[in-house]
Protein backbone atom coordinates (compact mmCIF):
# COMPACT_ATOMS: atom_id res chain seq x y z
CA MET A 1 162.71 -42.77 -67.10
CA SER A 2 159.24 -43.26 -66.18
CA LYS A 3 157.75 -43.05 -62.77
CA ASN A 4 157.50 -47.07 -62.65
CA GLU A 5 161.11 -47.62 -63.57
CA VAL A 6 163.90 -47.89 -61.14
CA ASP A 7 167.23 -46.17 -61.59
CA LEU A 8 169.75 -49.17 -61.33
CA ASN A 9 172.50 -46.70 -61.01
CA ASP A 10 171.24 -45.21 -57.71
CA PRO A 11 172.84 -47.20 -54.68
CA LEU A 12 169.69 -46.53 -52.59
CA ASN A 13 167.86 -48.92 -54.91
CA TRP A 14 170.56 -51.68 -54.65
CA TYR A 15 170.27 -51.38 -50.98
CA ILE A 16 166.75 -51.57 -50.96
CA ALA A 17 166.53 -54.65 -53.18
CA ASP A 18 169.08 -56.44 -50.97
CA SER A 19 167.31 -55.40 -47.92
CA MET A 20 163.93 -56.99 -49.33
CA ASP A 21 165.59 -60.41 -49.79
CA GLU A 22 165.79 -60.45 -46.24
CA TYR A 23 161.94 -60.77 -45.42
CA ASP A 24 160.10 -63.76 -46.25
CA VAL A 25 156.44 -62.34 -46.53
CA ARG A 26 154.87 -65.63 -47.35
CA LEU A 27 152.44 -67.24 -44.80
CA ASP A 28 151.84 -70.70 -44.36
CA PRO A 29 147.88 -71.36 -44.36
CA GLU A 30 147.49 -72.02 -40.77
CA MET A 31 149.23 -68.64 -39.67
CA ALA A 32 146.99 -66.95 -42.40
CA LYS A 33 143.96 -68.46 -40.81
CA GLU A 34 144.94 -67.50 -37.41
CA LEU A 35 145.39 -63.86 -38.25
CA VAL A 36 142.09 -63.90 -39.96
CA HIS A 37 140.46 -65.37 -36.93
CA ARG A 38 142.04 -62.77 -34.62
CA HIS A 39 141.18 -59.99 -37.19
CA ASN A 40 137.36 -61.06 -37.04
CA GLY A 41 137.41 -61.37 -33.32
CA TYR A 42 139.00 -58.03 -32.78
CA PRO A 43 135.73 -55.79 -33.15
CA LYS A 44 133.80 -58.45 -30.73
CA LEU A 45 136.59 -58.06 -28.07
CA VAL A 46 136.57 -54.03 -28.31
CA SER A 47 132.60 -54.19 -28.07
CA ALA A 48 132.84 -56.34 -25.06
CA LEU A 49 135.28 -54.03 -23.40
CA ARG A 50 133.30 -50.92 -23.98
CA GLU A 51 130.20 -52.80 -22.54
CA ALA A 52 132.54 -53.66 -19.29
CA ILE A 53 133.54 -50.22 -18.92
CA ALA A 54 129.81 -49.14 -18.80
CA ALA A 55 128.83 -51.75 -16.40
CA LEU A 56 131.90 -51.00 -14.19
CA GLU A 57 130.56 -47.28 -14.21
CA ASN A 58 127.11 -48.31 -13.30
CA VAL A 59 128.32 -50.09 -10.20
CA GLY A 60 130.62 -47.47 -9.05
CA CYS A 61 134.06 -48.83 -10.17
CA VAL A 62 135.12 -45.65 -11.70
CA GLU A 63 139.11 -46.28 -11.33
CA LYS A 64 138.76 -49.85 -12.90
CA ALA A 65 136.60 -48.35 -15.64
CA ASP A 66 139.10 -45.62 -16.25
CA LEU A 67 141.85 -48.22 -16.42
CA LEU A 68 139.95 -49.82 -19.33
CA ARG A 69 139.16 -46.68 -21.04
CA HIS A 70 142.98 -46.08 -20.95
CA GLU A 71 143.61 -49.44 -22.52
CA LEU A 72 141.02 -48.61 -25.38
CA GLN A 73 142.73 -45.53 -25.77
CA GLU A 74 146.05 -46.98 -26.30
CA LEU A 75 144.50 -49.13 -28.98
CA GLY A 76 143.20 -46.39 -30.84
CA GLU A 77 139.68 -47.46 -30.12
CA LEU A 78 138.21 -44.94 -27.61
CA GLU A 79 136.90 -42.37 -30.31
CA ARG A 80 135.31 -45.04 -32.38
CA SER A 81 131.56 -45.95 -31.71
């Protein structure tokens, strides 16, 4: 059997095939458009949050800046520039 073939005698493969029937991964056009819009807006929001952190630090609101920095860290965006 090659790498691309599925062993139909393996019960795990039957379980996986049955489980995949439960997922409908098709998106209607409106949902797809909304996801693309959110994806395209995400970098702008991260950039605005970074600017807000810098502005807060400049005016001495260190605690609020730290809270926002923590939010960036939770999103995995803190280390990016």
